[in-house]
C-alpha atoms as a PDB file:
ATOM      1  CA  MET A   1    -156.639  30.539  63.325  1.00  0.00           C
ATOM      2  CA  ASN A   2    -154.233  32.337  65.626  1.00  0.00           C
ATOM      3  CA  LYS A   3    -154.587  36.148  65.314  1.00  0.00           C
ATOM      4  CA  ALA A   4    -150.859  36.589  65.846  1.00  0.00           C
ATOM      5  CA  LEU A   5    -150.198  34.635  62.662  1.00  0.00           C
ATOM      6  CA  VAL A   6    -152.484  36.949  60.709  1.00  0.00           C
ATOM      7  CA  PHE A   7    -150.802  40.151  61.931  1.00  0.00           C
ATOM      8  CA  LEU A   8    -147.200  38.897  61.792  1.00  0.00           C
ATOM      9  CA  PRO A   9    -146.794  39.538  58.053  1.00  0.00           C
ATOM     10  CA  CYS A  10    -148.132  43.079  58.541  1.00  0.00           C
ATOM     11  CA  LEU A  11    -145.566  43.779  61.253  1.00  0.00           C
ATOM     12  CA  LEU A  12    -142.771  42.526  59.035  1.00  0.00           C
ATOM     13  CA  LEU A  13    -143.838  44.870  56.218  1.00  0.00           C
ATOM     14  CA  LEU A  14    -144.175  48.030  58.340  1.00  0.00           C
ATOM     15  CA  PRO A  15    -140.507  49.082  58.239  1.00  0.00           C
ATOM     16  CA  GLY A  16    -140.676  49.129  54.441  1.00  0.00           C
ATOM     17  CA  CYS A  17    -143.689  51.431  54.584  1.00  0.00           C
ATOM     18  CA  ALA A  18    -141.971  54.081  56.673  1.00  0.00           C
ATOM     19  CA  THR A  19    -141.966  57.424  54.924  1.00  0.00           C
ATOM     20  CA  LYS A  20    -138.872  59.505  54.489  1.00  0.00           C
ATOM     21  CA  THR A  21    -138.867  62.878  56.131  1.00  0.00           C
ATOM     22  CA  ALA A  22    -137.065  66.076  55.359  1.00  0.00           C
ATOM     23  CA  PRO A  23    -134.022  66.631  57.562  1.00  0.00           C
ATOM     24  CA  VAL A  24    -134.533  68.990  60.475  1.00  0.00           C
ATOM     25  CA  PRO A  25    -132.049  71.877  60.461  1.00  0.00           C
ATOM     26  CA  ASP A  26    -129.464  71.847  63.230  1.00  0.00           C
ATOM     27  CA  ALA A  27    -126.142  73.487  64.032  1.00  0.00           C
ATOM     28  CA  THR A  28    -124.263  70.894  61.989  1.00  0.00           C
ATOM     29  CA  MET A  29    -126.341  71.616  58.881  1.00  0.00           C
ATOM     30  CA  ALA A  30    -125.883  75.354  59.423  1.00  0.00           C
ATOM     31  CA  GLY A  31    -122.127  74.979  59.806  1.00  0.00           C
ATOM     32  CA  ARG A  32    -121.796  72.731  56.754  1.00  0.00           C
ATOM     33  CA  SER A  33    -123.805  75.076  54.567  1.00  0.00           C
ATOM     34  CA  GLY A  34    -122.556  78.390  55.950  1.00  0.00           C
ATOM     35  CA  THR A  35    -126.178  79.484  56.432  1.00  0.00           C
ATOM     36  CA  LYS A  36    -127.623  80.812  59.673  1.00  0.00           C
ATOM     37  CA  LEU A  37    -129.635  78.246  61.607  1.00  0.00           C
ATOM     38  CA  GLY A  38    -132.597  80.645  61.831  1.00  0.00           C
ATOM     39  CA  THR A  39    -132.717  80.892  58.021  1.00  0.00           C
ATOM     40  CA  LEU A  40    -132.653  77.106  57.679  1.00  0.00           C
ATOM     41  CA  GLN A  41    -135.384  76.744  60.282  1.00  0.00           C
ATOM     42  CA  ARG A  42    -137.528  79.279  58.434  1.00  0.00           C
ATOM     43  CA  GLY A  43    -136.946  77.426  55.146  1.00  0.00           C
ATOM     44  CA  HIS A  44    -137.806  74.114  56.785  1.00  0.00           C
ATOM     45  CA  ALA A  45    -141.033  75.593  58.171  1.00  0.00           C
ATOM     46  CA  VAL A  46    -141.972  76.888  54.709  1.00  0.00           C
ATOM     47  CA  TYR A  47    -141.153  73.469  53.230  1.00  0.00           C
ATOM     48  CA  LEU A  48    -143.394  71.705  55.756  1.00  0.00           C
ATOM     49  CA  ALA A  49    -146.246  74.207  55.459  1.00  0.00           C
ATOM     50  CA  GLN A  50    -146.281  74.809  51.719  1.00  0.00           C
ATOM     51  CA  CYS A  51    -144.690  72.021  49.683  1.00  0.00           C
ATOM     52  CA  GLY A  52    -147.270  69.407  50.618  1.00  0.00           C
ATOM     53  CA  ARG A  53    -150.329  71.572  50.051  1.00  0.00           C
ATOM     54  CA  CYS A  54    -150.617  70.753  46.354  1.00  0.00           C
ATOM     55  CA  HIS A  55    -148.504  67.622  45.939  1.00  0.00           C
ATOM     56  CA  GLU A  56    -146.414  65.108  47.825  1.00  0.00           C
ATOM     57  CA  PRO A  57    -143.375  66.986  49.170  1.00  0.00           C
ATOM     58  CA  ILE A  58    -140.204  66.129  47.272  1.00  0.00           C
ATOM     59  CA  LEU A  59    -137.236  65.492  49.522  1.00  0.00           C
ATOM     60  CA  PRO A  60    -134.240  67.763  49.007  1.00  0.00           C
ATOM     61  CA  ALA A  61    -132.004  64.781  48.224  1.00  0.00           C
ATOM     62  CA  ASP A  62    -134.281  63.602  45.411  1.00  0.00           C
ATOM     63  CA  VAL A  63    -133.649  66.543  43.061  1.00  0.00           C
ATOM     64  CA  SER A  64    -130.360  67.932  41.772  1.00  0.00           C
ATOM     65  CA  ARG A  65    -129.058  71.277  43.021  1.00  0.00           C
ATOM     66  CA  ASP A  66    -129.407  72.760  39.533  1.00  0.00           C
ATOM     67  CA  ASP A  67    -133.026  71.639  39.240  1.00  0.00           C
ATOM     68  CA  TRP A  68    -133.970  73.097  42.627  1.00  0.00           C
ATOM     69  CA  HIS A  69    -132.931  76.529  41.307  1.00  0.00           C
ATOM     70  CA  VAL A  70    -135.649  76.137  38.659  1.00  0.00           C
ATOM     71  CA  VAL A  71    -138.285  74.322  40.733  1.00  0.00           C
ATOM     72  CA  VAL A  72    -138.349  76.554  43.817  1.00  0.00           C
ATOM     73  CA  PRO A  73    -139.030  79.874  42.048  1.00  0.00           C
ATOM     74  CA  GLY A  74    -141.837  78.353  39.962  1.00  0.00           C
ATOM     75  CA  MET A  75    -143.476  76.589  42.874  1.00  0.00           C
ATOM     76  CA  SER A  76    -143.029  79.634  45.127  1.00  0.00           C
ATOM     77  CA  TRP A  77    -144.820  81.791  42.586  1.00  0.00           C
ATOM     78  CA  ASN A  78    -147.632  79.216  42.285  1.00  0.00           C
ATOM     79  CA  ALA A  79    -148.009  78.995  46.068  1.00  0.00           C
ATOM     80  CA  GLY A  80    -147.775  82.740  46.687  1.00  0.00           C
ATOM     81  CA  ILE A  81    -144.658  82.386  48.836  1.00  0.00           C
ATOM     82  CA  SER A  82    -142.879  85.657  49.608  1.00  0.00           C
ATOM     83  CA  GLU A  83    -139.430  86.339  48.206  1.00  0.00           C
ATOM     84  CA  ALA A  84    -137.889  86.133  51.698  1.00  0.00           C
ATOM     85  CA  ASP A  85    -139.534  82.761  52.346  1.00  0.00           C
ATOM     86  CA  GLU A  86    -138.459  81.547  48.903  1.00  0.00           C
ATOM     87  CA  GLN A  87    -134.845  82.474  49.706  1.00  0.00           C
ATOM     88  CA  ALA A  88    -135.037  80.677  53.069  1.00  0.00           C
ATOM     89  CA  LEU A  89    -136.638  77.655  51.397  1.00  0.00           C
ATOM     90  CA  THR A  90    -133.895  77.498  48.765  1.00  0.00           C
ATOM     91  CA  ALA A  91    -131.204  77.839  51.439  1.00  0.00           C
ATOM     92  CA  TYR A  92    -132.801  75.028  53.456  1.00  0.00           C
ATOM     93  CA  ILE A  93    -133.159  72.689  50.485  1.00  0.00           C
ATOM     94  CA  LEU A  94    -129.581  73.212  49.343  1.00  0.00           C
ATOM     95  CA  ALA A  95    -128.245  72.820  52.896  1.00  0.00           C
ATOM     96  CA  ALA A  96    -130.244  69.614  53.371  1.00  0.00           C
ATOM     97  CA  LYS A  97    -128.564  68.151  50.277  1.00  0.00           C
ATOM     98  CA  LYS A  98    -125.048  68.535  51.727  1.00  0.00           C
END
């Protein structure tokens, strides 16, 4: 049997297996949200470093703005995230939703 025929179905399925990633902060996101780029970058770094330690990271777009205001403080407390990092994380998540 031709090996190419065996791997062809796998190649066709790969695009569907691609994982979503959290948006990387940029000047456009900062301008849209009215938040300093440095704050968004700090929040993004906290998101990448902390949110996947205990569970699969949840993308900002997958949870409502109102729910994030409940989720972030609880998860920050559980993870031992400082208040400043929690504020940056919240700013990043809300900016990434816009």
